[in-house]
N, C-alpha and C. Protein backbone atom coordinates (compact mmCIF):
# COMPACT_ATOMS: atom_id res chain seq x y z
N UNK A 1 0.83 -1.18 0.00
CA UNK A 1 0.00 0.00 0.00
C UNK A 1 0.87 1.24 0.00
N UNK A 2 0.40 2.30 -0.60
CA UNK A 2 1.12 3.54 -0.60
C UNK A 2 1.04 4.19 0.77
N UNK A 3 1.99 5.12 1.01
CA UNK A 3 2.06 5.76 2.32
C UNK A 3 1.06 6.89 2.46
N UNK A 4 0.65 7.51 1.35
CA UNK A 4 -0.28 8.62 1.41
C UNK A 4 -1.71 8.09 1.48
N UNK A 5 -2.50 8.72 2.37
CA UNK A 5 -3.87 8.26 2.57
C UNK A 5 -4.83 9.45 2.60
N UNK A 6 -6.06 9.16 2.27
CA UNK A 6 -7.17 10.08 2.48
C UNK A 6 -7.95 9.56 3.68
N UNK A 7 -8.23 10.40 4.64
CA UNK A 7 -9.06 10.01 5.78
C UNK A 7 -10.49 10.44 5.47
N UNK A 8 -11.38 9.47 5.44
CA UNK A 8 -12.78 9.72 5.09
C UNK A 8 -13.66 9.00 6.09
N UNK A 9 -14.54 9.73 6.75
CA UNK A 9 -15.42 9.17 7.77
C UNK A 9 -14.65 8.37 8.81
N UNK A 10 -13.46 8.88 9.16
CA UNK A 10 -12.67 8.25 10.21
C UNK A 10 -11.82 7.08 9.79
N UNK A 11 -11.88 6.69 8.52
CA UNK A 11 -11.10 5.56 8.02
C UNK A 11 -10.07 6.03 7.00
N UNK A 12 -8.96 5.31 6.94
CA UNK A 12 -7.88 5.67 6.02
C UNK A 12 -8.03 4.93 4.70
N UNK A 13 -7.95 5.68 3.63
CA UNK A 13 -8.00 5.10 2.28
C UNK A 13 -6.72 5.48 1.56
N UNK A 14 -5.78 4.53 1.41
CA UNK A 14 -4.53 4.83 0.70
C UNK A 14 -4.80 5.37 -0.70
N UNK A 15 -3.91 6.21 -1.16
CA UNK A 15 -4.06 6.77 -2.50
C UNK A 15 -3.84 5.72 -3.58
N UNK A 16 -3.15 4.63 -3.22
CA UNK A 16 -2.90 3.56 -4.18
C UNK A 16 -2.85 2.22 -3.45
N UNK A 17 -3.35 1.17 -4.07
CA UNK A 17 -3.33 -0.17 -3.49
C UNK A 17 -2.95 -1.19 -4.57
N UNK A 18 -2.45 -2.32 -4.11
CA UNK A 18 -2.17 -3.45 -5.00
C UNK A 18 -2.98 -4.65 -4.51
N UNK A 19 -4.02 -5.05 -5.25
CA UNK A 19 -4.88 -6.16 -4.81
C UNK A 19 -4.13 -7.47 -4.76
N UNK A 20 -4.65 -8.45 -3.99
CA UNK A 20 -4.03 -9.78 -3.94
C UNK A 20 -3.90 -10.39 -5.33
N UNK A 21 -2.76 -11.01 -5.58
CA UNK A 21 -2.51 -11.72 -6.84
C UNK A 21 -2.60 -10.82 -8.06
N UNK A 22 -2.38 -9.53 -7.89
CA UNK A 22 -2.42 -8.61 -9.02
C UNK A 22 -1.08 -7.90 -9.15
N UNK A 23 -0.68 -7.65 -10.38
CA UNK A 23 0.56 -6.90 -10.63
C UNK A 23 0.28 -5.42 -10.80
N UNK A 24 -0.98 -5.03 -10.71
CA UNK A 24 -1.38 -3.65 -10.95
C UNK A 24 -1.39 -2.83 -9.66
N UNK A 25 -1.16 -1.55 -9.80
CA UNK A 25 -1.37 -0.59 -8.72
C UNK A 25 -2.60 0.23 -9.10
N UNK A 26 -3.59 0.22 -8.22
CA UNK A 26 -4.85 0.92 -8.50
C UNK A 26 -4.90 2.21 -7.69
N UNK A 27 -5.42 3.26 -8.30
CA UNK A 27 -5.44 4.57 -7.66
C UNK A 27 -6.84 4.89 -7.14
N UNK A 28 -6.88 5.65 -6.05
CA UNK A 28 -8.15 6.05 -5.44
C UNK A 28 -8.83 7.09 -6.31
N UNK A 29 -10.08 6.83 -6.68
CA UNK A 29 -10.83 7.75 -7.54
C UNK A 29 -11.91 8.52 -6.79
N UNK A 30 -12.44 7.96 -5.70
CA UNK A 30 -13.50 8.65 -4.98
C UNK A 30 -13.93 7.90 -3.74
N UNK A 31 -14.62 8.62 -2.87
CA UNK A 31 -15.16 8.05 -1.63
C UNK A 31 -16.63 8.38 -1.50
N UNK A 32 -17.35 7.52 -0.79
CA UNK A 32 -18.75 7.78 -0.51
C UNK A 32 -19.19 7.01 0.72
N UNK A 33 -20.43 7.16 1.09
CA UNK A 33 -20.97 6.44 2.23
C UNK A 33 -22.29 5.80 1.86
N UNK A 34 -22.65 4.78 2.63
CA UNK A 34 -24.02 4.26 2.60
C UNK A 34 -24.64 4.65 3.92
N UNK A 35 -25.73 5.40 3.85
CA UNK A 35 -26.45 5.78 5.07
C UNK A 35 -27.94 5.74 4.79
N UNK A 36 -28.71 5.72 5.85
CA UNK A 36 -30.16 5.69 5.70
C UNK A 36 -30.80 6.31 6.94
N UNK A 37 -32.02 6.78 6.79
CA UNK A 37 -32.72 7.41 7.91
C UNK A 37 -33.50 6.36 8.70
N UNK A 38 -33.26 6.32 10.00
CA UNK A 38 -33.96 5.42 10.90
C UNK A 38 -34.48 6.24 12.08
N UNK A 39 -35.80 6.27 12.22
CA UNK A 39 -36.43 7.03 13.31
C UNK A 39 -35.92 8.47 13.34
N UNK A 40 -35.92 9.09 12.16
CA UNK A 40 -35.55 10.50 12.00
C UNK A 40 -34.06 10.78 12.22
N UNK A 41 -33.27 9.74 12.35
CA UNK A 41 -31.83 9.91 12.48
C UNK A 41 -31.14 9.35 11.24
N UNK A 42 -30.14 10.06 10.73
CA UNK A 42 -29.39 9.60 9.57
C UNK A 42 -28.24 8.73 10.07
N UNK A 43 -28.33 7.43 9.82
CA UNK A 43 -27.35 6.47 10.32
C UNK A 43 -26.38 6.09 9.20
N UNK A 44 -25.09 6.22 9.50
CA UNK A 44 -24.06 5.84 8.54
C UNK A 44 -23.66 4.38 8.80
N UNK A 45 -23.74 3.55 7.77
CA UNK A 45 -23.42 2.14 7.93
C UNK A 45 -22.02 1.78 7.46
N UNK A 46 -21.60 2.30 6.31
CA UNK A 46 -20.23 2.06 5.91
C UNK A 46 -19.73 3.11 4.94
N UNK A 47 -18.39 3.24 4.93
CA UNK A 47 -17.73 4.16 4.01
C UNK A 47 -17.09 3.35 2.89
N UNK A 48 -16.90 3.98 1.76
CA UNK A 48 -16.47 3.28 0.55
C UNK A 48 -15.37 4.07 -0.14
N UNK A 49 -14.37 3.38 -0.61
CA UNK A 49 -13.37 3.96 -1.50
C UNK A 49 -13.30 3.13 -2.77
N UNK A 50 -13.29 3.77 -3.92
CA UNK A 50 -13.22 3.06 -5.19
C UNK A 50 -11.87 3.34 -5.86
N UNK A 51 -11.25 2.26 -6.30
CA UNK A 51 -9.94 2.31 -6.95
C UNK A 51 -10.04 1.71 -8.36
N UNK A 52 -9.16 2.16 -9.23
CA UNK A 52 -9.09 1.56 -10.57
C UNK A 52 -7.71 1.81 -11.15
N UNK A 53 -7.36 0.97 -12.13
CA UNK A 53 -6.14 1.21 -12.90
C UNK A 53 -6.26 2.58 -13.56
N UNK A 54 -5.19 3.36 -13.52
CA UNK A 54 -5.21 4.70 -14.10
C UNK A 54 -5.57 4.69 -15.58
N UNK A 55 -5.37 3.56 -16.24
CA UNK A 55 -5.70 3.45 -17.66
C UNK A 55 -7.20 3.57 -17.92
N UNK A 56 -8.02 3.55 -16.85
CA UNK A 56 -9.46 3.65 -17.03
C UNK A 56 -9.83 4.91 -17.80
N UNK A 57 -9.07 5.97 -17.62
CA UNK A 57 -9.40 7.24 -18.28
C UNK A 57 -9.26 7.17 -19.80
N UNK A 58 -8.40 6.26 -20.26
CA UNK A 58 -8.24 6.11 -21.71
C UNK A 58 -9.52 5.62 -22.37
N UNK A 59 -10.40 5.00 -21.59
CA UNK A 59 -11.64 4.44 -22.13
C UNK A 59 -12.84 5.37 -21.96
N UNK A 60 -12.61 6.54 -21.38
CA UNK A 60 -13.74 7.42 -21.05
C UNK A 60 -13.61 8.79 -21.71
N UNK A 61 -12.82 8.89 -22.77
CA UNK A 61 -12.55 10.18 -23.39
C UNK A 61 -13.79 10.85 -23.95
N UNK A 62 -14.81 10.07 -24.30
CA UNK A 62 -16.00 10.68 -24.90
C UNK A 62 -16.74 11.59 -23.92
N UNK A 63 -16.46 11.43 -22.63
CA UNK A 63 -17.11 12.28 -21.63
C UNK A 63 -16.21 13.41 -21.14
N UNK A 64 -15.07 13.61 -21.77
CA UNK A 64 -14.08 14.56 -21.29
C UNK A 64 -14.62 15.98 -21.19
N UNK A 65 -15.45 16.38 -22.13
CA UNK A 65 -15.94 17.77 -22.18
C UNK A 65 -17.21 17.98 -21.35
N UNK A 66 -17.68 16.92 -20.69
CA UNK A 66 -18.92 17.02 -19.94
C UNK A 66 -18.70 17.66 -18.57
N UNK A 67 -19.78 18.18 -18.00
CA UNK A 67 -19.74 18.70 -16.65
C UNK A 67 -20.18 17.61 -15.67
N UNK A 68 -19.85 17.80 -14.41
CA UNK A 68 -20.15 16.79 -13.40
C UNK A 68 -21.63 16.45 -13.36
N UNK A 69 -22.49 17.46 -13.40
CA UNK A 69 -23.92 17.22 -13.33
C UNK A 69 -24.42 16.43 -14.55
N UNK A 70 -23.74 16.57 -15.67
CA UNK A 70 -24.11 15.79 -16.86
C UNK A 70 -23.76 14.32 -16.67
N UNK A 71 -22.62 14.06 -16.07
CA UNK A 71 -22.22 12.67 -15.82
C UNK A 71 -23.16 12.00 -14.84
N UNK A 72 -23.68 12.79 -13.88
CA UNK A 72 -24.56 12.23 -12.85
C UNK A 72 -25.96 11.96 -13.36
N UNK A 73 -26.29 12.47 -14.52
CA UNK A 73 -27.59 12.18 -15.13
C UNK A 73 -27.64 10.70 -15.48
N UNK A 74 -28.66 10.01 -15.00
CA UNK A 74 -28.75 8.57 -15.19
C UNK A 74 -28.75 8.18 -16.67
N UNK A 75 -29.17 9.08 -17.53
CA UNK A 75 -29.22 8.78 -18.96
C UNK A 75 -27.89 9.00 -19.67
N UNK A 76 -26.89 9.52 -18.96
CA UNK A 76 -25.61 9.84 -19.62
C UNK A 76 -24.84 8.59 -20.05
N UNK A 77 -25.06 7.49 -19.34
CA UNK A 77 -24.32 6.26 -19.65
C UNK A 77 -22.91 6.25 -19.11
N UNK A 78 -22.53 7.31 -18.38
CA UNK A 78 -21.14 7.42 -17.94
C UNK A 78 -20.73 6.30 -16.98
N UNK A 79 -21.54 6.05 -15.97
CA UNK A 79 -21.14 5.06 -14.98
C UNK A 79 -21.23 3.64 -15.52
N UNK A 80 -22.16 3.40 -16.42
CA UNK A 80 -22.18 2.09 -17.08
C UNK A 80 -20.92 1.92 -17.92
N UNK A 81 -20.52 3.01 -18.59
CA UNK A 81 -19.27 2.97 -19.36
C UNK A 81 -18.08 2.72 -18.47
N UNK A 82 -18.07 3.37 -17.32
CA UNK A 82 -16.98 3.17 -16.35
C UNK A 82 -16.94 1.72 -15.89
N UNK A 83 -18.09 1.16 -15.55
CA UNK A 83 -18.13 -0.23 -15.08
C UNK A 83 -17.62 -1.21 -16.13
N UNK A 84 -17.90 -0.93 -17.39
CA UNK A 84 -17.55 -1.86 -18.46
C UNK A 84 -16.11 -1.73 -18.95
N UNK A 85 -15.41 -0.69 -18.52
CA UNK A 85 -14.02 -0.55 -18.97
C UNK A 85 -13.22 -1.78 -18.57
N UNK A 86 -12.40 -2.30 -19.49
CA UNK A 86 -11.66 -3.55 -19.22
C UNK A 86 -10.39 -3.32 -18.41
N UNK A 87 -10.55 -2.69 -17.25
CA UNK A 87 -9.42 -2.46 -16.35
C UNK A 87 -9.80 -2.93 -14.95
N UNK A 88 -8.79 -3.17 -14.12
CA UNK A 88 -9.04 -3.62 -12.75
C UNK A 88 -9.68 -2.52 -11.91
N UNK A 89 -10.61 -2.94 -11.06
CA UNK A 89 -11.26 -2.02 -10.12
C UNK A 89 -11.35 -2.71 -8.77
N UNK A 90 -11.41 -1.89 -7.73
CA UNK A 90 -11.52 -2.43 -6.38
C UNK A 90 -12.31 -1.46 -5.52
N UNK A 91 -13.15 -2.01 -4.66
CA UNK A 91 -13.87 -1.21 -3.68
C UNK A 91 -13.41 -1.63 -2.29
N UNK A 92 -13.02 -0.65 -1.49
CA UNK A 92 -12.72 -0.90 -0.08
C UNK A 92 -13.90 -0.36 0.72
N UNK A 93 -14.59 -1.23 1.43
CA UNK A 93 -15.78 -0.87 2.20
C UNK A 93 -15.47 -1.08 3.67
N UNK A 94 -15.59 -0.01 4.46
CA UNK A 94 -15.27 -0.08 5.88
C UNK A 94 -16.56 0.07 6.69
N UNK A 95 -16.84 -0.91 7.53
CA UNK A 95 -18.06 -0.90 8.33
C UNK A 95 -17.97 0.19 9.41
N UNK A 96 -18.97 1.07 9.43
CA UNK A 96 -19.05 2.13 10.45
C UNK A 96 -19.95 1.67 11.60
N UNK A 97 -21.09 1.10 11.26
CA UNK A 97 -22.03 0.60 12.26
C UNK A 97 -22.18 -0.90 12.08
N UNK A 98 -21.93 -1.65 13.14
CA UNK A 98 -21.96 -3.12 13.08
C UNK A 98 -23.25 -3.62 12.42
N UNK A 99 -23.10 -4.54 11.48
CA UNK A 99 -24.24 -5.15 10.80
C UNK A 99 -23.99 -6.65 10.67
N UNK A 100 -25.06 -7.39 10.49
CA UNK A 100 -24.92 -8.80 10.19
C UNK A 100 -24.43 -8.97 8.76
N UNK A 101 -23.71 -10.06 8.52
CA UNK A 101 -23.27 -10.34 7.16
C UNK A 101 -24.44 -10.43 6.20
N UNK A 102 -25.55 -11.00 6.68
CA UNK A 102 -26.73 -11.13 5.83
C UNK A 102 -27.34 -9.77 5.50
N UNK A 103 -27.24 -8.82 6.44
CA UNK A 103 -27.77 -7.48 6.18
C UNK A 103 -26.96 -6.76 5.12
N UNK A 104 -25.67 -7.02 5.09
CA UNK A 104 -24.83 -6.40 4.07
C UNK A 104 -25.14 -6.95 2.68
N UNK A 105 -25.26 -8.29 2.59
CA UNK A 105 -25.33 -8.91 1.27
C UNK A 105 -26.74 -8.95 0.69
N UNK A 106 -27.78 -8.87 1.52
CA UNK A 106 -29.14 -8.98 1.00
C UNK A 106 -29.49 -7.92 -0.03
N UNK A 107 -29.16 -6.64 0.19
CA UNK A 107 -29.46 -5.65 -0.87
C UNK A 107 -28.72 -5.94 -2.17
N UNK A 108 -27.48 -6.41 -2.07
CA UNK A 108 -26.74 -6.78 -3.27
C UNK A 108 -27.46 -7.92 -3.98
N UNK A 109 -27.83 -8.94 -3.23
CA UNK A 109 -28.51 -10.10 -3.81
C UNK A 109 -29.79 -9.71 -4.54
N UNK A 110 -30.64 -8.95 -3.88
CA UNK A 110 -31.94 -8.62 -4.47
C UNK A 110 -31.79 -7.73 -5.69
N UNK A 111 -30.85 -6.78 -5.62
CA UNK A 111 -30.65 -5.88 -6.76
C UNK A 111 -30.12 -6.62 -7.97
N UNK A 112 -29.08 -7.43 -7.76
CA UNK A 112 -28.48 -8.16 -8.88
C UNK A 112 -29.47 -9.15 -9.46
N UNK A 113 -30.16 -9.89 -8.61
CA UNK A 113 -31.12 -10.89 -9.08
C UNK A 113 -32.23 -10.23 -9.89
N UNK A 114 -32.78 -9.13 -9.38
CA UNK A 114 -33.90 -8.48 -10.06
C UNK A 114 -33.47 -7.90 -11.41
N UNK A 115 -32.29 -7.31 -11.46
CA UNK A 115 -31.84 -6.71 -12.72
C UNK A 115 -31.52 -7.78 -13.75
N UNK A 116 -30.92 -8.89 -13.31
CA UNK A 116 -30.63 -9.97 -14.25
C UNK A 116 -31.91 -10.64 -14.73
N UNK A 117 -32.87 -10.82 -13.82
CA UNK A 117 -34.15 -11.42 -14.21
C UNK A 117 -34.87 -10.52 -15.22
N UNK A 118 -34.82 -9.22 -15.00
CA UNK A 118 -35.48 -8.28 -15.92
C UNK A 118 -34.85 -8.37 -17.31
N UNK A 119 -33.54 -8.59 -17.36
CA UNK A 119 -32.83 -8.70 -18.64
C UNK A 119 -32.83 -10.12 -19.19
N UNK A 120 -33.57 -11.02 -18.51
CA UNK A 120 -33.66 -12.42 -18.91
C UNK A 120 -32.28 -13.09 -18.92
N UNK A 121 -31.48 -12.78 -17.90
CA UNK A 121 -30.13 -13.33 -17.79
C UNK A 121 -29.94 -14.14 -16.52
N UNK A 122 -31.03 -14.38 -15.79
CA UNK A 122 -30.91 -15.08 -14.50
C UNK A 122 -31.24 -16.55 -14.70
N UNK A 123 -30.18 -17.34 -14.94
CA UNK A 123 -30.33 -18.77 -15.14
C UNK A 123 -29.76 -19.52 -13.92
N UNK A 124 -29.69 -20.84 -14.02
CA UNK A 124 -29.21 -21.65 -12.90
C UNK A 124 -27.79 -21.27 -12.50
N UNK A 125 -26.95 -20.97 -13.51
CA UNK A 125 -25.56 -20.62 -13.21
C UNK A 125 -25.48 -19.33 -12.41
N UNK A 126 -26.33 -18.37 -12.75
CA UNK A 126 -26.34 -17.10 -12.03
C UNK A 126 -26.87 -17.28 -10.61
N UNK A 127 -27.90 -18.09 -10.48
CA UNK A 127 -28.46 -18.35 -9.15
C UNK A 127 -27.41 -19.01 -8.25
N UNK A 128 -26.69 -19.98 -8.79
CA UNK A 128 -25.67 -20.67 -8.01
C UNK A 128 -24.55 -19.72 -7.59
N UNK A 129 -24.10 -18.88 -8.51
CA UNK A 129 -23.01 -17.95 -8.21
C UNK A 129 -23.45 -16.92 -7.18
N UNK A 130 -24.66 -16.41 -7.32
CA UNK A 130 -25.15 -15.42 -6.37
C UNK A 130 -25.36 -16.06 -5.00
N UNK A 131 -25.86 -17.28 -4.98
CA UNK A 131 -26.06 -17.99 -3.71
C UNK A 131 -24.73 -18.19 -2.98
N UNK A 132 -23.67 -18.45 -3.72
CA UNK A 132 -22.36 -18.67 -3.09
C UNK A 132 -21.85 -17.38 -2.46
N UNK A 133 -22.11 -16.26 -3.09
CA UNK A 133 -21.71 -14.98 -2.54
C UNK A 133 -22.52 -14.67 -1.27
N UNK A 134 -23.81 -14.93 -1.34
CA UNK A 134 -24.68 -14.70 -0.17
C UNK A 134 -24.24 -15.59 0.99
N UNK A 135 -23.96 -16.85 0.71
CA UNK A 135 -23.56 -17.79 1.75
C UNK A 135 -22.26 -17.35 2.41
N UNK A 136 -21.33 -16.82 1.62
CA UNK A 136 -20.05 -16.35 2.17
C UNK A 136 -20.29 -15.29 3.25
N UNK A 137 -21.16 -14.32 2.96
CA UNK A 137 -21.40 -13.26 3.93
C UNK A 137 -22.32 -13.71 5.07
N UNK A 138 -23.24 -14.59 4.77
CA UNK A 138 -24.12 -15.07 5.85
C UNK A 138 -23.33 -15.82 6.92
N UNK A 139 -22.22 -16.42 6.55
CA UNK A 139 -21.38 -17.11 7.53
C UNK A 139 -20.67 -16.14 8.46
N UNK A 140 -20.62 -14.87 8.05
CA UNK A 140 -20.04 -13.84 8.92
C UNK A 140 -21.19 -13.30 9.76
N UNK A 141 -21.38 -13.88 10.93
CA UNK A 141 -22.54 -13.53 11.75
C UNK A 141 -22.64 -12.02 11.95
N UNK A 142 -21.53 -11.39 12.27
CA UNK A 142 -21.52 -9.94 12.45
C UNK A 142 -20.30 -9.35 11.76
N UNK A 143 -20.50 -8.23 11.11
CA UNK A 143 -19.41 -7.44 10.57
C UNK A 143 -19.23 -6.26 11.52
N UNK A 144 -18.23 -6.37 12.38
CA UNK A 144 -18.04 -5.36 13.43
C UNK A 144 -17.52 -4.06 12.86
N UNK A 145 -17.65 -3.00 13.64
CA UNK A 145 -17.10 -1.71 13.24
C UNK A 145 -15.62 -1.87 12.93
N UNK A 146 -15.19 -1.33 11.81
CA UNK A 146 -13.80 -1.45 11.40
C UNK A 146 -13.51 -2.61 10.47
N UNK A 147 -14.46 -3.55 10.36
CA UNK A 147 -14.29 -4.63 9.38
C UNK A 147 -14.19 -4.03 7.98
N UNK A 148 -13.25 -4.52 7.21
CA UNK A 148 -13.03 -4.00 5.87
C UNK A 148 -13.32 -5.08 4.84
N UNK A 149 -14.18 -4.76 3.89
CA UNK A 149 -14.53 -5.68 2.81
C UNK A 149 -13.87 -5.18 1.53
N UNK A 150 -13.12 -6.06 0.90
CA UNK A 150 -12.49 -5.72 -0.38
C UNK A 150 -13.20 -6.48 -1.50
N UNK A 151 -13.76 -5.74 -2.42
CA UNK A 151 -14.38 -6.32 -3.62
C UNK A 151 -13.49 -5.94 -4.80
N UNK A 152 -12.86 -6.94 -5.39
CA UNK A 152 -11.87 -6.71 -6.44
C UNK A 152 -12.36 -7.32 -7.75
N UNK A 153 -12.42 -6.49 -8.77
CA UNK A 153 -12.79 -6.96 -10.11
C UNK A 153 -11.54 -6.91 -10.99
N UNK A 154 -10.82 -8.03 -11.17
CA UNK A 154 -9.69 -8.03 -12.10
C UNK A 154 -10.15 -7.76 -13.53
N UNK A 155 -11.42 -8.06 -13.79
CA UNK A 155 -12.10 -7.67 -15.03
C UNK A 155 -13.56 -7.46 -14.64
N UNK A 156 -14.37 -6.83 -15.50
CA UNK A 156 -15.77 -6.62 -15.14
C UNK A 156 -16.57 -7.91 -14.96
N UNK A 157 -16.00 -9.04 -15.37
CA UNK A 157 -16.75 -10.30 -15.34
C UNK A 157 -16.27 -11.28 -14.28
N UNK A 158 -15.42 -10.83 -13.36
CA UNK A 158 -14.93 -11.68 -12.28
C UNK A 158 -14.82 -10.85 -11.01
N UNK A 159 -15.31 -11.39 -9.92
CA UNK A 159 -15.28 -10.70 -8.64
C UNK A 159 -14.53 -11.54 -7.61
N UNK A 160 -13.57 -10.94 -6.94
CA UNK A 160 -12.83 -11.59 -5.88
C UNK A 160 -13.10 -10.86 -4.57
N UNK A 161 -13.32 -11.60 -3.50
CA UNK A 161 -13.74 -11.02 -2.22
C UNK A 161 -12.75 -11.39 -1.13
N UNK A 162 -12.39 -10.43 -0.31
CA UNK A 162 -11.58 -10.70 0.86
C UNK A 162 -11.97 -9.74 1.98
N UNK A 163 -11.66 -10.12 3.21
CA UNK A 163 -12.00 -9.31 4.37
C UNK A 163 -10.73 -8.96 5.14
N UNK A 164 -10.76 -7.82 5.81
CA UNK A 164 -9.66 -7.40 6.65
C UNK A 164 -10.21 -6.56 7.79
N UNK A 165 -9.32 -5.76 8.38
CA UNK A 165 -9.73 -4.89 9.47
C UNK A 165 -9.04 -3.56 9.31
N UNK A 166 -9.75 -2.49 9.60
CA UNK A 166 -9.22 -1.15 9.42
C UNK A 166 -7.95 -0.92 10.22
N UNK A 167 -7.78 -1.63 11.35
CA UNK A 167 -6.58 -1.46 12.16
C UNK A 167 -5.34 -2.04 11.49
N UNK A 168 -5.55 -2.90 10.48
CA UNK A 168 -4.44 -3.49 9.73
C UNK A 168 -4.30 -2.73 8.42
N UNK A 169 -3.19 -2.04 8.24
CA UNK A 169 -3.04 -1.17 7.08
C UNK A 169 -2.67 -1.91 5.80
N UNK A 170 -2.39 -3.21 5.90
CA UNK A 170 -1.98 -3.97 4.72
C UNK A 170 -3.18 -4.63 4.05
N UNK A 171 -3.08 -4.79 2.75
CA UNK A 171 -4.10 -5.52 2.02
C UNK A 171 -4.01 -7.01 2.34
N UNK A 172 -5.13 -7.73 2.32
CA UNK A 172 -5.06 -9.19 2.47
C UNK A 172 -4.16 -9.78 1.39
N UNK A 173 -3.46 -10.85 1.73
CA UNK A 173 -2.52 -11.45 0.78
C UNK A 173 -3.22 -12.37 -0.21
N UNK A 174 -4.43 -12.83 0.13
CA UNK A 174 -5.19 -13.70 -0.75
C UNK A 174 -6.65 -13.30 -0.71
N UNK A 175 -7.39 -13.66 -1.74
CA UNK A 175 -8.84 -13.46 -1.71
C UNK A 175 -9.49 -14.72 -1.13
N UNK A 176 -10.64 -14.53 -0.51
CA UNK A 176 -11.30 -15.63 0.21
C UNK A 176 -12.34 -16.35 -0.62
N UNK A 177 -12.85 -15.68 -1.62
CA UNK A 177 -13.80 -16.34 -2.51
C UNK A 177 -13.80 -15.65 -3.86
N UNK A 178 -14.26 -16.37 -4.87
CA UNK A 178 -14.30 -15.84 -6.24
C UNK A 178 -15.67 -16.08 -6.83
N UNK A 179 -16.21 -15.06 -7.45
CA UNK A 179 -17.44 -15.18 -8.25
C UNK A 179 -17.01 -15.08 -9.70
N UNK A 180 -17.01 -16.22 -10.40
CA UNK A 180 -16.53 -16.20 -11.78
C UNK A 180 -17.66 -16.26 -12.80
N UNK A 181 -18.89 -15.96 -12.33
CA UNK A 181 -20.00 -15.83 -13.26
C UNK A 181 -20.04 -14.39 -13.76
N UNK A 182 -19.93 -14.20 -15.06
CA UNK A 182 -19.80 -12.85 -15.62
C UNK A 182 -21.00 -11.97 -15.30
N UNK A 183 -22.20 -12.52 -15.38
CA UNK A 183 -23.39 -11.71 -15.15
C UNK A 183 -23.51 -11.26 -13.70
N UNK A 184 -23.19 -12.15 -12.77
CA UNK A 184 -23.27 -11.79 -11.35
C UNK A 184 -22.16 -10.82 -10.98
N UNK A 185 -20.95 -11.09 -11.47
CA UNK A 185 -19.82 -10.20 -11.16
C UNK A 185 -20.07 -8.79 -11.68
N UNK A 186 -20.51 -8.68 -12.92
CA UNK A 186 -20.77 -7.35 -13.49
C UNK A 186 -21.99 -6.72 -12.83
N UNK A 187 -22.96 -7.55 -12.41
CA UNK A 187 -24.13 -7.02 -11.71
C UNK A 187 -23.75 -6.42 -10.36
N UNK A 188 -22.83 -7.07 -9.66
CA UNK A 188 -22.36 -6.54 -8.38
C UNK A 188 -21.58 -5.24 -8.58
N UNK A 189 -20.85 -5.17 -9.68
CA UNK A 189 -20.10 -3.96 -9.99
C UNK A 189 -21.05 -2.78 -10.23
N UNK A 190 -22.11 -3.02 -10.98
CA UNK A 190 -23.08 -1.95 -11.24
C UNK A 190 -23.89 -1.61 -10.00
N UNK A 191 -24.13 -2.60 -9.13
CA UNK A 191 -24.81 -2.33 -7.85
C UNK A 191 -24.06 -1.27 -7.06
N UNK A 192 -22.74 -1.33 -7.14
CA UNK A 192 -21.91 -0.40 -6.38
C UNK A 192 -21.57 0.86 -7.16
N UNK A 193 -21.23 0.73 -8.44
CA UNK A 193 -20.67 1.85 -9.19
C UNK A 193 -21.50 2.28 -10.39
N UNK A 194 -22.63 1.63 -10.63
CA UNK A 194 -23.49 2.01 -11.74
C UNK A 194 -24.30 3.25 -11.42
N UNK A 195 -25.04 3.74 -12.38
CA UNK A 195 -25.77 5.01 -12.22
C UNK A 195 -26.86 4.94 -11.16
N UNK A 196 -27.28 3.73 -10.78
CA UNK A 196 -28.29 3.57 -9.73
C UNK A 196 -27.66 3.01 -8.45
N UNK A 197 -26.41 3.37 -8.22
CA UNK A 197 -25.71 2.93 -7.03
C UNK A 197 -26.47 3.31 -5.77
N UNK A 198 -26.32 2.49 -4.73
CA UNK A 198 -26.96 2.78 -3.45
C UNK A 198 -26.29 3.96 -2.74
N UNK A 199 -25.18 4.46 -3.29
CA UNK A 199 -24.45 5.57 -2.66
C UNK A 199 -24.32 6.74 -3.62
N UNK A 200 -25.29 7.66 -3.62
CA UNK A 200 -25.18 8.85 -4.48
C UNK A 200 -23.92 9.66 -4.20
N UNK A 201 -23.48 9.68 -2.94
CA UNK A 201 -22.28 10.45 -2.61
C UNK A 201 -21.04 9.84 -3.28
N UNK A 202 -21.02 8.52 -3.44
CA UNK A 202 -19.91 7.87 -4.12
C UNK A 202 -19.90 8.25 -5.60
N UNK A 203 -21.06 8.26 -6.24
CA UNK A 203 -21.13 8.62 -7.65
C UNK A 203 -20.65 10.05 -7.87
N UNK A 204 -21.06 10.94 -7.00
CA UNK A 204 -20.64 12.35 -7.13
C UNK A 204 -19.13 12.47 -7.00
N UNK A 205 -18.57 11.75 -6.04
CA UNK A 205 -17.12 11.79 -5.84
C UNK A 205 -16.39 11.15 -7.02
N UNK A 206 -16.92 10.05 -7.53
CA UNK A 206 -16.29 9.40 -8.70
C UNK A 206 -16.32 10.30 -9.93
N UNK A 207 -17.46 10.94 -10.15
CA UNK A 207 -17.57 11.85 -11.31
C UNK A 207 -16.54 12.96 -11.20
N UNK A 208 -16.43 13.53 -10.02
CA UNK A 208 -15.47 14.61 -9.81
C UNK A 208 -14.03 14.11 -9.98
N UNK A 209 -13.73 12.96 -9.39
CA UNK A 209 -12.38 12.43 -9.46
C UNK A 209 -11.96 12.05 -10.87
N UNK A 210 -12.87 11.46 -11.62
CA UNK A 210 -12.55 11.05 -12.98
C UNK A 210 -12.43 12.25 -13.91
N UNK A 211 -13.27 13.25 -13.72
CA UNK A 211 -13.19 14.43 -14.57
C UNK A 211 -11.84 15.14 -14.41
N UNK A 212 -11.28 15.11 -13.22
CA UNK A 212 -9.98 15.75 -12.99
C UNK A 212 -8.88 15.05 -13.77
N UNK A 213 -9.10 13.78 -14.09
CA UNK A 213 -8.05 13.01 -14.77
C UNK A 213 -8.28 12.85 -16.26
N UNK A 214 -9.49 13.15 -16.73
CA UNK A 214 -9.80 13.00 -18.14
C UNK A 214 -9.12 14.09 -18.98
């Protein structure tokens, strides 16, 4: 990991990381949070940092002259284009408020399943791959504050998952599970970084960060 970090919501996000089993160095593009209102209180559940190979900008030149608000328009296609770029991406997710593993993965499961079913892409292979991802997190009874989830896409069609802890500044040396179903892996990528991401603050930060580099 690089020595320079951005501190966001109390957690450190290095400016550059090297995922397990990867020869690439990925740079930090933006940060966001997942929060929701409960009993009139805005509760923050986790913070997010998104990384990608710097070459990602070579694939996004068509949006170079756009303004941030144009990229954030769901019809712009910008974030779908970003997700589909054939470069490595990684999300570092740090738990702020303790949640069950099932609580973390259920929104991912329902979103990916529904979108694939709508596109008539949800077959037995997709169900099996998604079930394996759900089972992995369900076995984690609780994700305590400071638990770090690394979602690494060596390509848009493969997802590698590993866990760590915010108190440990090093990346995990190996990934703990792999989702090698292209539809599920890319669906999880769009769940996090697509135009309908659960974290509007992440999209705004990504748009700003990418525009500075385009």
